[in-house]
Amino acid sequence: MGLDNPLHIAFLVVILLLVFGAKRLPEIGRSLGSGMREFKQSVTGEHNSQQTALPPAEQQQPPPAPAAQPAQPVAQPVAQPVATPPAPPVEHQQQS
């Protein structure tokens, strides 16, 4: 019982593919590997002088800044009072 049987590993891979999908599994593997690498470095006290860079397709670039436009005052919306409907009249029943 365990993951020593290749059939168990294959079954686990099929379940992971169904849950996460084929596009998502490489991303999960990369992040898991980098997390384990960072943990190992923090435990052993080793530090790489080179930073591992993400491939150009995965680097997140900030969105381009909008072109400079002259400042124009922005009109603030005026809060309108909310009208509440009148309460219905209360009818009292008389006891006989």
N, C-alpha and C. Protein backbone atom coordinates (compact mmCIF):
# COMPACT_ATOMS: atom_id res chain seq x y z
N MET A 1 0.82 -1.17 0.00
CA MET A 1 0.00 0.00 0.00
C MET A 1 0.88 1.24 0.00
N GLY A 2 0.71 2.06 -0.97
CA GLY A 2 1.48 3.28 -1.06
C GLY A 2 1.71 3.64 -2.51
N LEU A 3 2.64 4.53 -2.73
CA LEU A 3 2.93 4.97 -4.09
C LEU A 3 4.07 4.17 -4.71
N ASP A 4 4.42 3.04 -4.14
CA ASP A 4 5.48 2.23 -4.72
C ASP A 4 4.99 1.43 -5.92
N ASN A 5 3.70 1.27 -6.06
CA ASN A 5 3.11 0.54 -7.17
C ASN A 5 2.90 1.51 -8.34
N PRO A 6 3.41 1.20 -9.54
CA PRO A 6 3.22 2.10 -10.69
C PRO A 6 1.75 2.32 -11.05
N LEU A 7 0.90 1.35 -10.77
CA LEU A 7 -0.52 1.52 -11.05
C LEU A 7 -1.12 2.62 -10.17
N HIS A 8 -0.68 2.71 -8.92
CA HIS A 8 -1.16 3.77 -8.03
C HIS A 8 -0.72 5.14 -8.52
N ILE A 9 0.51 5.23 -8.99
CA ILE A 9 1.02 6.51 -9.51
C ILE A 9 0.25 6.92 -10.75
N ALA A 10 -0.02 5.96 -11.65
CA ALA A 10 -0.78 6.27 -12.87
C ALA A 10 -2.19 6.73 -12.51
N PHE A 11 -2.81 6.07 -11.54
CA PHE A 11 -4.15 6.45 -11.10
C PHE A 11 -4.14 7.87 -10.53
N LEU A 12 -3.13 8.19 -9.75
CA LEU A 12 -3.01 9.53 -9.18
C LEU A 12 -2.82 10.59 -10.27
N VAL A 13 -2.03 10.29 -11.29
CA VAL A 13 -1.81 11.23 -12.40
C VAL A 13 -3.11 11.47 -13.16
N VAL A 14 -3.89 10.42 -13.38
CA VAL A 14 -5.17 10.57 -14.09
C VAL A 14 -6.11 11.46 -13.29
N ILE A 15 -6.17 11.25 -11.99
CA ILE A 15 -7.04 12.08 -11.16
C ILE A 15 -6.58 13.54 -11.19
N LEU A 16 -5.27 13.77 -11.10
CA LEU A 16 -4.76 15.15 -11.16
C LEU A 16 -5.09 15.81 -12.49
N LEU A 17 -4.97 15.06 -13.59
CA LEU A 17 -5.33 15.62 -14.90
C LEU A 17 -6.81 15.98 -14.95
N LEU A 18 -7.65 15.15 -14.36
CA LEU A 18 -9.08 15.46 -14.38
C LEU A 18 -9.42 16.66 -13.52
N VAL A 19 -8.75 16.80 -12.39
CA VAL A 19 -9.07 17.88 -11.47
C VAL A 19 -8.51 19.21 -11.96
N PHE A 20 -7.22 19.23 -12.32
CA PHE A 20 -6.57 20.49 -12.65
C PHE A 20 -6.49 20.78 -14.14
N GLY A 21 -6.51 19.79 -14.98
CA GLY A 21 -6.42 20.01 -16.41
C GLY A 21 -4.98 19.99 -16.88
N ALA A 22 -4.78 19.74 -18.16
CA ALA A 22 -3.45 19.59 -18.72
C ALA A 22 -2.68 20.91 -18.77
N LYS A 23 -3.37 22.02 -18.91
CA LYS A 23 -2.68 23.32 -18.98
C LYS A 23 -2.15 23.76 -17.63
N ARG A 24 -2.82 23.37 -16.58
CA ARG A 24 -2.49 23.86 -15.25
C ARG A 24 -1.40 23.03 -14.55
N LEU A 25 -1.26 21.74 -14.91
CA LEU A 25 -0.30 20.87 -14.22
C LEU A 25 1.15 21.33 -14.33
N PRO A 26 1.65 21.77 -15.50
CA PRO A 26 3.05 22.25 -15.54
C PRO A 26 3.29 23.46 -14.65
N GLU A 27 2.32 24.36 -14.56
CA GLU A 27 2.45 25.53 -13.68
C GLU A 27 2.53 25.09 -12.22
N ILE A 28 1.70 24.14 -11.83
CA ILE A 28 1.71 23.65 -10.45
C ILE A 28 3.04 22.97 -10.15
N GLY A 29 3.54 22.18 -11.08
CA GLY A 29 4.82 21.51 -10.89
C GLY A 29 5.97 22.49 -10.74
N ARG A 30 5.97 23.53 -11.58
CA ARG A 30 7.03 24.55 -11.49
C ARG A 30 7.00 25.28 -10.16
N SER A 31 5.81 25.69 -9.73
CA SER A 31 5.71 26.42 -8.47
C SER A 31 6.05 25.52 -7.28
N LEU A 32 5.67 24.25 -7.35
CA LEU A 32 6.01 23.31 -6.28
C LEU A 32 7.52 23.09 -6.23
N GLY A 33 8.16 22.95 -7.39
CA GLY A 33 9.61 22.75 -7.44
C GLY A 33 10.37 23.96 -6.93
N SER A 34 9.93 25.16 -7.32
CA SER A 34 10.63 26.36 -6.84
C SER A 34 10.41 26.55 -5.34
N GLY A 35 9.24 26.20 -4.85
CA GLY A 35 8.98 26.29 -3.41
C GLY A 35 9.86 25.32 -2.63
N MET A 36 10.00 24.10 -3.13
CA MET A 36 10.86 23.12 -2.47
C MET A 36 12.33 23.56 -2.51
N ARG A 37 12.74 24.15 -3.63
CA ARG A 37 14.12 24.62 -3.77
C ARG A 37 14.40 25.75 -2.77
N GLU A 38 13.46 26.69 -2.66
CA GLU A 38 13.63 27.80 -1.71
C GLU A 38 13.64 27.30 -0.27
N PHE A 39 12.81 26.31 0.03
CA PHE A 39 12.78 25.74 1.38
C PHE A 39 14.12 25.07 1.70
N LYS A 40 14.63 24.31 0.75
CA LYS A 40 15.92 23.64 0.96
C LYS A 40 17.03 24.66 1.17
N GLN A 41 17.03 25.73 0.39
CA GLN A 41 18.06 26.77 0.54
C GLN A 41 17.94 27.47 1.88
N SER A 42 16.73 27.68 2.35
CA SER A 42 16.58 28.36 3.64
C SER A 42 17.00 27.46 4.80
N VAL A 43 16.78 26.15 4.67
CA VAL A 43 17.16 25.22 5.73
C VAL A 43 18.67 25.04 5.77
N THR A 44 19.30 24.87 4.60
CA THR A 44 20.74 24.63 4.56
C THR A 44 21.54 25.91 4.67
N GLY A 45 20.94 27.04 4.44
CA GLY A 45 21.64 28.32 4.53
C GLY A 45 22.39 28.67 3.26
N GLU A 46 22.16 27.93 2.19
CA GLU A 46 22.81 28.22 0.91
C GLU A 46 22.03 29.31 0.19
N HIS A 47 22.76 30.17 -0.52
CA HIS A 47 22.12 31.20 -1.32
C HIS A 47 22.78 31.20 -2.69
N ASN A 48 21.97 31.15 -3.74
CA ASN A 48 22.50 31.25 -5.10
C ASN A 48 22.80 32.69 -5.42
N SER A 49 23.92 32.92 -6.08
CA SER A 49 24.22 34.28 -6.50
C SER A 49 23.41 34.65 -7.73
N GLN A 50 22.94 33.65 -8.47
CA GLN A 50 22.12 33.90 -9.65
C GLN A 50 20.66 33.68 -9.29
N GLN A 51 19.85 34.59 -9.69
CA GLN A 51 18.42 34.45 -9.49
C GLN A 51 17.86 33.67 -10.66
N THR A 52 17.00 32.71 -10.39
CA THR A 52 16.37 31.97 -11.48
C THR A 52 15.29 32.86 -12.08
N ALA A 53 15.42 33.10 -13.37
CA ALA A 53 14.48 34.00 -14.05
C ALA A 53 13.40 33.17 -14.72
N LEU A 54 12.20 33.70 -14.76
CA LEU A 54 11.12 33.05 -15.46
C LEU A 54 11.33 33.23 -16.96
N PRO A 55 10.85 32.30 -17.76
CA PRO A 55 10.93 32.49 -19.20
C PRO A 55 10.19 33.77 -19.60
N PRO A 56 10.58 34.40 -20.72
CA PRO A 56 9.96 35.66 -21.11
C PRO A 56 8.44 35.59 -21.23
N ALA A 57 7.90 34.44 -21.59
CA ALA A 57 6.45 34.35 -21.75
C ALA A 57 5.73 34.42 -20.41
N GLU A 58 6.42 34.06 -19.32
CA GLU A 58 5.76 34.02 -18.02
C GLU A 58 6.08 35.22 -17.15
N GLN A 59 6.97 36.10 -17.59
CA GLN A 59 7.27 37.27 -16.79
C GLN A 59 6.08 38.20 -16.82
N GLN A 60 5.75 38.71 -15.66
CA GLN A 60 4.62 39.63 -15.60
C GLN A 60 5.14 41.04 -15.76
N GLN A 61 4.64 41.70 -16.78
CA GLN A 61 5.04 43.06 -17.03
C GLN A 61 3.91 43.98 -16.60
N PRO A 62 4.26 45.11 -16.00
CA PRO A 62 3.20 46.05 -15.62
C PRO A 62 2.52 46.61 -16.85
N PRO A 63 1.25 46.95 -16.77
CA PRO A 63 0.57 47.51 -17.92
C PRO A 63 1.17 48.87 -18.27
N PRO A 64 1.16 49.23 -19.55
CA PRO A 64 1.72 50.52 -19.93
C PRO A 64 0.94 51.66 -19.32
N ALA A 65 1.67 52.70 -18.95
CA ALA A 65 1.04 53.87 -18.34
C ALA A 65 0.23 54.61 -19.39
N PRO A 66 -0.93 55.14 -19.03
CA PRO A 66 -1.72 55.88 -20.01
C PRO A 66 -1.00 57.18 -20.39
N ALA A 67 -1.30 57.64 -21.58
CA ALA A 67 -0.68 58.88 -22.06
C ALA A 67 -1.10 60.04 -21.16
N ALA A 68 -0.18 60.95 -20.98
CA ALA A 68 -0.46 62.10 -20.11
C ALA A 68 -1.55 62.96 -20.74
N GLN A 69 -2.59 63.22 -19.98
CA GLN A 69 -3.68 64.07 -20.44
C GLN A 69 -3.83 65.21 -19.45
N PRO A 70 -4.29 66.35 -19.93
CA PRO A 70 -4.49 67.46 -18.98
C PRO A 70 -5.54 67.07 -17.95
N ALA A 71 -5.31 67.50 -16.75
CA ALA A 71 -6.22 67.16 -15.66
C ALA A 71 -7.55 67.89 -15.85
N GLN A 72 -8.61 67.14 -15.78
CA GLN A 72 -9.95 67.71 -15.89
C GLN A 72 -10.70 67.38 -14.62
N PRO A 73 -11.44 68.33 -14.11
CA PRO A 73 -12.18 68.03 -12.89
C PRO A 73 -13.23 66.95 -13.16
N VAL A 74 -13.34 66.05 -12.22
CA VAL A 74 -14.29 64.96 -12.36
C VAL A 74 -15.54 65.33 -11.57
N ALA A 75 -16.67 65.27 -12.24
CA ALA A 75 -17.93 65.60 -11.58
C ALA A 75 -18.32 64.45 -10.66
N GLN A 76 -18.55 64.76 -9.40
CA GLN A 76 -18.95 63.76 -8.44
C GLN A 76 -20.47 63.62 -8.48
N PRO A 77 -20.97 62.41 -8.48
CA PRO A 77 -22.43 62.24 -8.49
C PRO A 77 -23.01 62.72 -7.16
N VAL A 78 -24.19 63.31 -7.26
CA VAL A 78 -24.86 63.82 -6.08
C VAL A 78 -25.72 62.70 -5.52
N ALA A 79 -25.60 62.47 -4.24
CA ALA A 79 -26.38 61.41 -3.60
C ALA A 79 -27.83 61.83 -3.51
N GLN A 80 -28.70 61.00 -4.00
CA GLN A 80 -30.13 61.27 -3.97
C GLN A 80 -30.71 60.59 -2.73
N PRO A 81 -31.60 61.28 -2.02
CA PRO A 81 -32.21 60.63 -0.85
C PRO A 81 -33.09 59.47 -1.30
N VAL A 82 -33.09 58.44 -0.51
CA VAL A 82 -33.88 57.26 -0.83
C VAL A 82 -35.24 57.41 -0.18
N ALA A 83 -36.26 57.31 -1.00
CA ALA A 83 -37.63 57.44 -0.49
C ALA A 83 -38.08 56.09 0.03
N THR A 84 -38.55 56.07 1.27
CA THR A 84 -39.07 54.83 1.83
C THR A 84 -40.58 54.85 1.73
N PRO A 85 -41.18 53.72 1.39
CA PRO A 85 -42.64 53.69 1.27
C PRO A 85 -43.26 53.79 2.66
N PRO A 86 -44.44 54.39 2.73
CA PRO A 86 -45.10 54.50 4.05
C PRO A 86 -45.47 53.13 4.57
N ALA A 87 -45.46 53.00 5.87
CA ALA A 87 -45.82 51.74 6.50
C ALA A 87 -47.32 51.51 6.36
N PRO A 88 -47.75 50.28 6.15
CA PRO A 88 -49.19 50.01 6.04
C PRO A 88 -49.85 50.22 7.40
N PRO A 89 -51.09 50.61 7.38
CA PRO A 89 -51.79 50.82 8.66
C PRO A 89 -51.93 49.51 9.42
N VAL A 90 -51.82 49.61 10.73
CA VAL A 90 -51.91 48.44 11.59
C VAL A 90 -53.35 48.27 12.01
N GLU A 91 -53.88 47.09 11.78
CA GLU A 91 -55.26 46.81 12.14
C GLU A 91 -55.28 46.01 13.43
N HIS A 92 -56.02 46.48 14.40
CA HIS A 92 -56.14 45.77 15.67
C HIS A 92 -57.45 45.00 15.68
N GLN A 93 -57.35 43.78 16.12
CA GLN A 93 -58.57 42.97 16.25
C GLN A 93 -59.14 43.15 17.67
N GLN A 94 -60.39 43.30 17.72
CA GLN A 94 -61.03 43.45 19.04
C GLN A 94 -61.38 42.07 19.58
N GLN A 95 -61.15 41.93 20.86
CA GLN A 95 -61.48 40.66 21.49
C GLN A 95 -62.90 40.73 22.02
N SER A 96 -63.67 39.65 21.85
CA SER A 96 -65.05 39.66 22.33
C SER A 96 -65.19 39.02 23.67
